[in-house]
Amino acid sequence: MEIDLNADLGEGFGPYRMGEDEAMLDIVSSANVACGYHAGDPVIMDKTVRMALARGIEVGAHVGFPDLLGFGRRPIQVDPLELASYVLYQMGALAGIAKAAGHRVTHMSFHGALGNMAAASYELAEPLVRAVAEFDRDLIISVSTNTEIERAADRLGLRTARAFLADRAYDDHGALVSRKLAGAVIKERAAVLARVKELLEEGTVTTVTGNKLKIAVQSILLHGDTPGAVELARTVRGVIESAGGRVVPVSRLVR
């Protein structure tokens, strides 16, 4: 089995740092880089891209609402076409920095509240995904399971990579449980590892109601800003390799 191991990185701002990006880049095979709206800035973006390039790690644009104070996790009501411009702006920023460094952007994903809103509404997802298509049809869109983003990408002819969020709870439809609800974020290391093992061995995830749901994914996403993220990522990689799997970049898994 081949699978991508992915993390959200570059999420500091100015002198403020979040997570241990350099250590994470020694473990993962791809990274979602914040593009300055929910987190990140040009200097951090450039440093993250160059560290990834030095390690042969693929980078993707992690785009969100313009909400540094709320880390992009607060819903903002904006016209979808205006939001599409926000998406273009962020992808263009990272693509330019990557090109100057000699790297390239292979994928993109929607962060936080923007991702949650687009996942639930085709009317919002379609113009955002169309913006991706107009920017670069070769980009892979990283998506969670059972979202309107995936449906919009399918209809517009863009490739998607389904990501399993090892530290987030799922409902019986394969959608992520809202962070507002208790148990939505799984913090116990043993529980996260058990979920990864279940995915690798059975191809299922146990939902919040205790049901086992079949899911097909190409990537495992770990959040780089959670306590113990580096050690957890290292252990998850060990679980994958112990099961006979190989960790490979996302672009090698999506055709």
C-alpha atoms as a PDB file:
ATOM      1  CA  MET A   1       0.000   0.000   0.000  1.00  0.00           C
ATOM      2  CA  GLU A   2       1.211   3.486  -0.885  1.00  0.00           C
ATOM      3  CA  ILE A   3      -0.109   6.552   0.919  1.00  0.00           C
ATOM      4  CA  ASP A   4       0.787  10.212   1.306  1.00  0.00           C
ATOM      5  CA  LEU A   5       1.553  11.595   4.770  1.00  0.00           C
ATOM      6  CA  ASN A   6       0.626  15.254   4.905  1.00  0.00           C
ATOM      7  CA  ALA A   7       0.742  18.153   7.387  1.00  0.00           C
ATOM      8  CA  ASP A   8      -0.393  21.784   7.522  1.00  0.00           C
ATOM      9  CA  LEU A   9       2.759  23.898   7.864  1.00  0.00           C
ATOM     10  CA  GLY A  10       3.959  27.504   7.657  1.00  0.00           C
ATOM     11  CA  GLU A  11       1.289  28.608  10.109  1.00  0.00           C
ATOM     12  CA  GLY A  12       3.257  31.173  12.061  1.00  0.00           C
ATOM     13  CA  PHE A  13       3.197  34.917  11.439  1.00  0.00           C
ATOM     14  CA  GLY A  14       6.116  37.350  11.659  1.00  0.00           C
ATOM     15  CA  PRO A  15       8.132  36.459  14.764  1.00  0.00           C
ATOM     16  CA  TYR A  16       5.433  34.084  16.013  1.00  0.00           C
ATOM     17  CA  ARG A  17       5.905  30.397  15.332  1.00  0.00           C
ATOM     18  CA  MET A  18       3.412  27.562  15.398  1.00  0.00           C
ATOM     19  CA  GLY A  19       4.482  23.950  15.272  1.00  0.00           C
ATOM     20  CA  GLU A  20       7.840  22.374  14.457  1.00  0.00           C
ATOM     21  CA  ASP A  21       7.866  22.640  10.685  1.00  0.00           C
ATOM     22  CA  GLU A  22      11.451  21.562  10.105  1.00  0.00           C
ATOM     23  CA  ALA A  23      11.006  18.375  12.112  1.00  0.00           C
ATOM     24  CA  MET A  24       7.673  17.612  10.414  1.00  0.00           C
ATOM     25  CA  LEU A  25       9.264  17.982   6.991  1.00  0.00           C
ATOM     26  CA  ASP A  26      11.644  15.134   7.862  1.00  0.00           C
ATOM     27  CA  ILE A  27       8.616  12.845   8.282  1.00  0.00           C
ATOM     28  CA  VAL A  28       5.864  13.787   5.825  1.00  0.00           C
ATOM     29  CA  SER A  29       5.776  13.414   2.037  1.00  0.00           C
ATOM     30  CA  SER A  30       3.718  16.538   1.322  1.00  0.00           C
ATOM     31  CA  ALA A  31       2.869  19.788   3.073  1.00  0.00           C
ATOM     32  CA  ASN A  32       0.013  22.284   2.906  1.00  0.00           C
ATOM     33  CA  VAL A  33       1.547  25.749   3.235  1.00  0.00           C
ATOM     34  CA  ALA A  34      -0.477  28.632   4.697  1.00  0.00           C
ATOM     35  CA  CYS A  35      -0.631  31.471   2.185  1.00  0.00           C
ATOM     36  CA  GLY A  36      -0.875  34.543   4.389  1.00  0.00           C
ATOM     37  CA  TYR A  37      -4.618  34.777   4.997  1.00  0.00           C
ATOM     38  CA  HIS A  38      -5.344  32.533   7.978  1.00  0.00           C
ATOM     39  CA  ALA A  39      -1.638  32.285   8.830  1.00  0.00           C
ATOM     40  CA  GLY A  40       1.794  32.632   7.274  1.00  0.00           C
ATOM     41  CA  ASP A  41       3.575  35.496   5.572  1.00  0.00           C
ATOM     42  CA  PRO A  42       5.971  35.813   2.595  1.00  0.00           C
ATOM     43  CA  VAL A  43       9.091  35.102   4.661  1.00  0.00           C
ATOM     44  CA  ILE A  44       7.608  32.026   6.341  1.00  0.00           C
ATOM     45  CA  MET A  45       6.196  30.799   3.029  1.00  0.00           C
ATOM     46  CA  ASP A  46       9.601  31.130   1.361  1.00  0.00           C
ATOM     47  CA  LYS A  47      11.401  29.374   4.206  1.00  0.00           C
ATOM     48  CA  THR A  48       8.863  26.538   4.291  1.00  0.00           C
ATOM     49  CA  VAL A  49       9.030  26.002   0.537  1.00  0.00           C
ATOM     50  CA  ARG A  50      12.833  25.942   0.543  1.00  0.00           C
ATOM     51  CA  MET A  51      12.981  23.498   3.451  1.00  0.00           C
ATOM     52  CA  ALA A  52      10.495  21.263   1.627  1.00  0.00           C
ATOM     53  CA  LEU A  53      12.477  21.433  -1.617  1.00  0.00           C
ATOM     54  CA  ALA A  54      15.679  20.436   0.159  1.00  0.00           C
ATOM     55  CA  ARG A  55      13.941  17.299   1.411  1.00  0.00           C
ATOM     56  CA  GLY A  56      12.038  16.422  -1.766  1.00  0.00           C
ATOM     57  CA  ILE A  57       8.689  17.203  -0.118  1.00  0.00           C
ATOM     58  CA  GLU A  58       5.762  18.372  -2.256  1.00  0.00           C
ATOM     59  CA  VAL A  59       4.000  21.614  -1.330  1.00  0.00           C
ATOM     60  CA  GLY A  60       0.411  22.713  -1.732  1.00  0.00           C
ATOM     61  CA  ALA A  61      -1.439  25.987  -1.219  1.00  0.00           C
ATOM     62  CA  HIS A  62      -3.497  25.998   1.983  1.00  0.00           C
ATOM     63  CA  VAL A  63      -6.041  28.759   1.382  1.00  0.00           C
ATOM     64  CA  GLY A  64      -8.461  30.237   3.891  1.00  0.00           C
ATOM     65  CA  PHE A  65     -10.402  33.273   5.005  1.00  0.00           C
ATOM     66  CA  PRO A  66      -8.506  36.550   5.641  1.00  0.00           C
ATOM     67  CA  ASP A  67      -8.670  36.027   9.399  1.00  0.00           C
ATOM     68  CA  LEU A  68      -5.299  35.961  11.153  1.00  0.00           C
ATOM     69  CA  LEU A  69      -6.850  36.650  14.558  1.00  0.00           C
ATOM     70  CA  GLY A  70      -9.233  33.723  14.260  1.00  0.00           C
ATOM     71  CA  PHE A  71      -6.793  31.419  12.437  1.00  0.00           C
ATOM     72  CA  GLY A  72      -9.335  31.130   9.634  1.00  0.00           C
ATOM     73  CA  ARG A  73     -11.713  29.118  11.777  1.00  0.00           C
ATOM     74  CA  ARG A  74     -14.458  31.764  11.953  1.00  0.00           C
ATOM     75  CA  PRO A  75     -17.099  31.770   9.185  1.00  0.00           C
ATOM     76  CA  ILE A  76     -17.180  34.970   7.132  1.00  0.00           C
ATOM     77  CA  GLN A  77     -20.042  35.822   4.807  1.00  0.00           C
ATOM     78  CA  VAL A  78     -18.520  36.875   1.484  1.00  0.00           C
ATOM     79  CA  ASP A  79     -19.836  36.745  -2.078  1.00  0.00           C
ATOM     80  CA  PRO A  80     -18.604  33.479  -3.647  1.00  0.00           C
ATOM     81  CA  LEU A  81     -17.007  35.283  -6.596  1.00  0.00           C
ATOM     82  CA  GLU A  82     -15.089  37.507  -4.203  1.00  0.00           C
ATOM     83  CA  LEU A  83     -13.986  34.403  -2.320  1.00  0.00           C
ATOM     84  CA  ALA A  84     -12.793  32.921  -5.600  1.00  0.00           C
ATOM     85  CA  SER A  85     -10.501  35.945  -5.965  1.00  0.00           C
ATOM     86  CA  TYR A  86      -9.154  35.287  -2.461  1.00  0.00           C
ATOM     87  CA  VAL A  87      -8.371  31.718  -3.498  1.00  0.00           C
ATOM     88  CA  LEU A  88      -6.583  32.858  -6.668  1.00  0.00           C
ATOM     89  CA  TYR A  89      -4.567  35.423  -4.737  1.00  0.00           C
ATOM     90  CA  GLN A  90      -3.302  32.887  -2.226  1.00  0.00           C
ATOM     91  CA  MET A  91      -2.452  30.213  -4.794  1.00  0.00           C
ATOM     92  CA  GLY A  92      -0.635  32.787  -6.918  1.00  0.00           C
ATOM     93  CA  ALA A  93       1.419  33.961  -3.953  1.00  0.00           C
ATOM     94  CA  LEU A  94       2.658  30.482  -3.097  1.00  0.00           C
ATOM     95  CA  ALA A  95       3.222  29.529  -6.733  1.00  0.00           C
ATOM     96  CA  GLY A  96       5.386  32.615  -7.240  1.00  0.00           C
ATOM     97  CA  ILE A  97       7.462  31.925  -4.133  1.00  0.00           C
ATOM     98  CA  ALA A  98       7.825  28.268  -5.096  1.00  0.00           C
ATOM     99  CA  LYS A  99       8.919  29.131  -8.644  1.00  0.00           C
ATOM    100  CA  ALA A 100      11.562  31.558  -7.376  1.00  0.00           C
ATOM    101  CA  ALA A 101      12.899  28.838  -5.071  1.00  0.00           C
ATOM    102  CA  GLY A 102      13.006  26.256  -7.872  1.00  0.00           C
ATOM    103  CA  HIS A 103      10.069  24.290  -6.504  1.00  0.00           C
ATOM    104  CA  ARG A 104       6.482  23.855  -7.703  1.00  0.00           C
ATOM    105  CA  VAL A 105       3.019  23.656  -6.201  1.00  0.00           C
ATOM    106  CA  THR A 106       1.395  20.262  -6.804  1.00  0.00           C
ATOM    107  CA  HIS A 107      -1.831  20.540  -4.830  1.00  0.00           C
ATOM    108  CA  MET A 108      -4.123  22.822  -2.841  1.00  0.00           C
ATOM    109  CA  SER A 109      -6.634  22.562  -0.039  1.00  0.00           C
ATOM    110  CA  PHE A 110      -9.204  24.742   1.706  1.00  0.00           C
ATOM    111  CA  HIS A 111      -8.527  25.599   5.335  1.00  0.00           C
ATOM    112  CA  GLY A 112     -10.783  25.860   8.355  1.00  0.00           C
ATOM    113  CA  ALA A 113     -14.137  27.619   8.083  1.00  0.00           C
ATOM    114  CA  LEU A 114     -13.737  28.214   4.353  1.00  0.00           C
ATOM    115  CA  GLY A 115     -13.214  24.512   3.791  1.00  0.00           C
ATOM    116  CA  ASN A 116     -16.132  23.568   6.031  1.00  0.00           C
ATOM    117  CA  MET A 117     -18.510  25.969   4.287  1.00  0.00           C
ATOM    118  CA  ALA A 118     -17.464  24.880   0.793  1.00  0.00           C
ATOM    119  CA  ALA A 119     -17.683  21.222   1.801  1.00  0.00           C
ATOM    120  CA  ALA A 120     -21.352  21.716   2.722  1.00  0.00           C
ATOM    121  CA  SER A 121     -22.460  23.954  -0.177  1.00  0.00           C
ATOM    122  CA  TYR A 122     -22.096  23.211  -3.877  1.00  0.00           C
ATOM    123  CA  GLU A 123     -23.047  26.835  -4.626  1.00  0.00           C
ATOM    124  CA  LEU A 124     -19.929  27.940  -2.763  1.00  0.00           C
ATOM    125  CA  ALA A 125     -17.664  25.051  -3.742  1.00  0.00           C
ATOM    126  CA  GLU A 126     -18.214  25.414  -7.494  1.00  0.00           C
ATOM    127  CA  PRO A 127     -16.812  28.959  -7.963  1.00  0.00           C
ATOM    128  CA  LEU A 128     -13.890  28.200  -5.665  1.00  0.00           C
ATOM    129  CA  VAL A 129     -13.008  25.006  -7.515  1.00  0.00           C
ATOM    130  CA  ARG A 130     -13.492  26.832 -10.822  1.00  0.00           C
ATOM    131  CA  ALA A 131     -10.906  29.367  -9.650  1.00  0.00           C
ATOM    132  CA  VAL A 132      -8.471  26.490  -9.096  1.00  0.00           C
ATOM    133  CA  ALA A 133      -9.186  25.187 -12.598  1.00  0.00           C
ATOM    134  CA  GLU A 134      -8.620  28.592 -14.137  1.00  0.00           C
ATOM    135  CA  PHE A 135      -5.349  28.969 -12.251  1.00  0.00           C
ATOM    136  CA  ASP A 136      -3.881  25.514 -12.941  1.00  0.00           C
ATOM    137  CA  ARG A 137      -5.879  22.486 -14.054  1.00  0.00           C
ATOM    138  CA  ASP A 138      -2.997  20.218 -13.060  1.00  0.00           C
ATOM    139  CA  LEU A 139      -3.349  21.008  -9.365  1.00  0.00           C
ATOM    140  CA  ILE A 140      -4.711  18.227  -7.188  1.00  0.00           C
ATOM    141  CA  ILE A 141      -7.369  19.327  -4.712  1.00  0.00           C
ATOM    142  CA  SER A 142      -6.970  17.671  -1.325  1.00  0.00           C
ATOM    143  CA  VAL A 143     -10.428  16.949   0.076  1.00  0.00           C
ATOM    144  CA  SER A 144     -12.085  15.189   2.941  1.00  0.00           C
ATOM    145  CA  THR A 145     -14.621  12.467   2.136  1.00  0.00           C
ATOM    146  CA  ASN A 146     -18.201  13.189   1.088  1.00  0.00           C
ATOM    147  CA  THR A 147     -17.924  16.911   0.305  1.00  0.00           C
ATOM    148  CA  GLU A 148     -19.356  19.282  -2.276  1.00  0.00           C
ATOM    149  CA  ILE A 149     -15.775  20.296  -3.061  1.00  0.00           C
ATOM    150  CA  GLU A 150     -15.109  16.812  -4.384  1.00  0.00           C
ATOM    151  CA  ARG A 151     -18.334  16.849  -6.396  1.00  0.00           C
ATOM    152  CA  ALA A 152     -17.494  20.239  -7.920  1.00  0.00           C
ATOM    153  CA  ALA A 153     -14.000  19.016  -8.818  1.00  0.00           C
ATOM    154  CA  ASP A 154     -15.418  15.903 -10.488  1.00  0.00           C
ATOM    155  CA  ARG A 155     -17.824  17.988 -12.579  1.00  0.00           C
ATOM    156  CA  LEU A 156     -15.117  20.458 -13.574  1.00  0.00           C
ATOM    157  CA  GLY A 157     -12.624  17.721 -14.415  1.00  0.00           C
ATOM    158  CA  LEU A 158     -10.049  18.340 -11.677  1.00  0.00           C
ATOM    159  CA  ARG A 159      -8.199  15.637  -9.825  1.00  0.00           C
ATOM    160  CA  THR A 160      -8.773  15.143  -6.120  1.00  0.00           C
ATOM    161  CA  ALA A 161      -6.938  13.322  -3.365  1.00  0.00           C
ATOM    162  CA  ARG A 162      -9.050  12.143  -0.473  1.00  0.00           C
ATOM    163  CA  ALA A 163      -7.442  12.873   2.873  1.00  0.00           C
ATOM    164  CA  PHE A 164      -8.058  11.035   6.131  1.00  0.00           C
ATOM    165  CA  LEU A 165      -7.833  13.354   9.136  1.00  0.00           C
ATOM    166  CA  ALA A 166      -6.449  11.031  11.744  1.00  0.00           C
ATOM    167  CA  ASP A 167      -7.204  13.348  14.641  1.00  0.00           C
ATOM    168  CA  ARG A 168     -10.738  14.388  13.659  1.00  0.00           C
ATOM    169  CA  ALA A 169     -14.045  12.608  14.284  1.00  0.00           C
ATOM    170  CA  TYR A 170     -16.308  11.556  11.380  1.00  0.00           C
ATOM    171  CA  ASP A 171     -20.076  11.179  11.206  1.00  0.00           C
ATOM    172  CA  ASP A 172     -21.919   8.281   9.568  1.00  0.00           C
ATOM    173  CA  HIS A 173     -21.912  10.067   6.191  1.00  0.00           C
ATOM    174  CA  GLY A 174     -18.140  10.410   6.127  1.00  0.00           C
ATOM    175  CA  ALA A 175     -18.177  14.124   6.926  1.00  0.00           C
ATOM    176  CA  LEU A 176     -16.070  15.743   9.636  1.00  0.00           C
ATOM    177  CA  VAL A 177     -17.803  16.496  12.925  1.00  0.00           C
ATOM    178  CA  SER A 178     -17.917  20.207  13.769  1.00  0.00           C
ATOM    179  CA  ARG A 179     -15.124  21.427  16.056  1.00  0.00           C
ATOM    180  CA  LYS A 180     -17.852  22.989  18.208  1.00  0.00           C
ATOM    181  CA  LEU A 181     -18.909  19.530  19.373  1.00  0.00           C
ATOM    182  CA  ALA A 182     -17.205  17.550  22.114  1.00  0.00           C
ATOM    183  CA  GLY A 183     -14.879  14.869  20.798  1.00  0.00           C
ATOM    184  CA  ALA A 184     -14.516  16.448  17.358  1.00  0.00           C
ATOM    185  CA  VAL A 185     -10.742  16.659  17.817  1.00  0.00           C
ATOM    186  CA  ILE A 186      -9.127  13.427  18.989  1.00  0.00           C
ATOM    187  CA  LYS A 187      -6.224  14.284  21.269  1.00  0.00           C
ATOM    188  CA  GLU A 188      -5.241  10.909  22.690  1.00  0.00           C
ATOM    189  CA  ARG A 189      -2.215   9.572  20.820  1.00  0.00           C
ATOM    190  CA  ALA A 190      -3.281   5.946  21.228  1.00  0.00           C
ATOM    191  CA  ALA A 191      -6.713   6.700  19.765  1.00  0.00           C
ATOM    192  CA  VAL A 192      -5.206   8.424  16.732  1.00  0.00           C
ATOM    193  CA  LEU A 193      -2.844   5.518  16.103  1.00  0.00           C
ATOM    194  CA  ALA A 194      -5.694   3.022  16.451  1.00  0.00           C
ATOM    195  CA  ARG A 195      -7.615   4.924  13.773  1.00  0.00           C
ATOM    196  CA  VAL A 196      -4.629   4.847  11.430  1.00  0.00           C
ATOM    197  CA  LYS A 197      -4.222   1.091  11.963  1.00  0.00           C
ATOM    198  CA  GLU A 198      -7.935   0.553  11.288  1.00  0.00           C
ATOM    199  CA  LEU A 199      -7.686   2.544   8.062  1.00  0.00           C
ATOM    200  CA  LEU A 200      -4.634   0.600   6.851  1.00  0.00           C
ATOM    201  CA  GLU A 201      -5.875  -2.848   7.847  1.00  0.00           C
ATOM    202  CA  GLU A 202      -9.611  -2.573   7.189  1.00  0.00           C
ATOM    203  CA  GLY A 203     -10.072   0.504   4.993  1.00  0.00           C
ATOM    204  CA  THR A 204     -12.581   1.861   7.502  1.00  0.00           C
ATOM    205  CA  VAL A 205     -13.016   4.621  10.064  1.00  0.00           C
ATOM    206  CA  THR A 206     -15.093   4.246  13.213  1.00  0.00           C
ATOM    207  CA  THR A 207     -17.636   7.075  13.320  1.00  0.00           C
ATOM    208  CA  VAL A 208     -18.873   9.016  16.341  1.00  0.00           C
ATOM    209  CA  THR A 209     -21.799   6.608  16.630  1.00  0.00           C
ATOM    210  CA  GLY A 210     -19.511   3.574  16.647  1.00  0.00           C
ATOM    211  CA  ASN A 211     -20.241   2.430  13.100  1.00  0.00           C
ATOM    212  CA  LYS A 212     -17.446   1.316  10.773  1.00  0.00           C
ATOM    213  CA  LEU A 213     -17.510   3.295   7.528  1.00  0.00           C
ATOM    214  CA  LYS A 214     -15.591   2.244   4.413  1.00  0.00           C
ATOM    215  CA  ILE A 215     -13.435   5.067   3.042  1.00  0.00           C
ATOM    216  CA  ALA A 216     -10.932   5.181   0.187  1.00  0.00           C
ATOM    217  CA  VAL A 217      -8.154   7.711   0.767  1.00  0.00           C
ATOM    218  CA  GLN A 218      -4.795   8.626  -0.742  1.00  0.00           C
ATOM    219  CA  SER A 219      -3.463  10.775   2.089  1.00  0.00           C
ATOM    220  CA  ILE A 220      -3.312  10.901   5.880  1.00  0.00           C
ATOM    221  CA  LEU A 221      -3.369  14.431   7.276  1.00  0.00           C
ATOM    222  CA  LEU A 222      -1.921  15.344  10.643  1.00  0.00           C
ATOM    223  CA  HIS A 223      -2.227  18.835  12.082  1.00  0.00           C
ATOM    224  CA  GLY A 224       1.203  20.320  12.735  1.00  0.00           C
ATOM    225  CA  ASP A 225      -0.014  22.737  15.427  1.00  0.00           C
ATOM    226  CA  THR A 226      -1.237  20.182  17.976  1.00  0.00           C
ATOM    227  CA  PRO A 227       0.823  19.173  21.049  1.00  0.00           C
ATOM    228  CA  GLY A 228       3.137  16.261  20.325  1.00  0.00           C
ATOM    229  CA  ALA A 229       2.497  16.540  16.578  1.00  0.00           C
ATOM    230  CA  VAL A 230       6.030  15.588  15.537  1.00  0.00           C
ATOM    231  CA  GLU A 231       6.231  12.457  17.657  1.00  0.00           C
ATOM    232  CA  LEU A 232       2.730  11.468  16.560  1.00  0.00           C
ATOM    233  CA  ALA A 233       3.644  11.931  12.895  1.00  0.00           C
ATOM    234  CA  ARG A 234       6.797   9.880  13.360  1.00  0.00           C
ATOM    235  CA  THR A 235       4.802   7.099  15.010  1.00  0.00           C
ATOM    236  CA  VAL A 236       2.111   7.183  12.303  1.00  0.00           C
ATOM    237  CA  ARG A 237       4.798   6.811   9.651  1.00  0.00           C
ATOM    238  CA  GLY A 238       6.189   3.870  11.590  1.00  0.00           C
ATOM    239  CA  VAL A 239       2.743   2.264  11.697  1.00  0.00           C
ATOM    240  CA  ILE A 240       2.400   2.636   7.925  1.00  0.00           C
ATOM    241  CA  GLU A 241       5.819   1.156   7.216  1.00  0.00           C
ATOM    242  CA  SER A 242       5.394  -1.644   9.754  1.00  0.00           C
ATOM    243  CA  ALA A 243       2.223  -2.648   7.920  1.00  0.00           C
ATOM    244  CA  GLY A 244       4.228  -2.948   4.702  1.00  0.00           C
ATOM    245  CA  GLY A 245       3.121   0.391   3.331  1.00  0.00           C
ATOM    246  CA  ARG A 246       5.164   3.107   1.658  1.00  0.00           C
ATOM    247  CA  VAL A 247       4.898   6.847   2.235  1.00  0.00           C
ATOM    248  CA  VAL A 248       4.968   8.643  -1.128  1.00  0.00           C
ATOM    249  CA  PRO A 249       4.050  12.155  -2.376  1.00  0.00           C
ATOM    250  CA  VAL A 250       0.445  12.806  -3.267  1.00  0.00           C
ATOM    251  CA  SER A 251       1.144  13.482  -6.961  1.00  0.00           C
ATOM    252  CA  ARG A 252       2.319   9.897  -7.398  1.00  0.00           C
ATOM    253  CA  LEU A 253      -0.992   8.548  -6.116  1.00  0.00           C
ATOM    254  CA  VAL A 254      -3.456  10.524  -8.222  1.00  0.00           C
ATOM    255  CA  ARG A 255      -3.661  10.062 -11.968  1.00  0.00           C
END
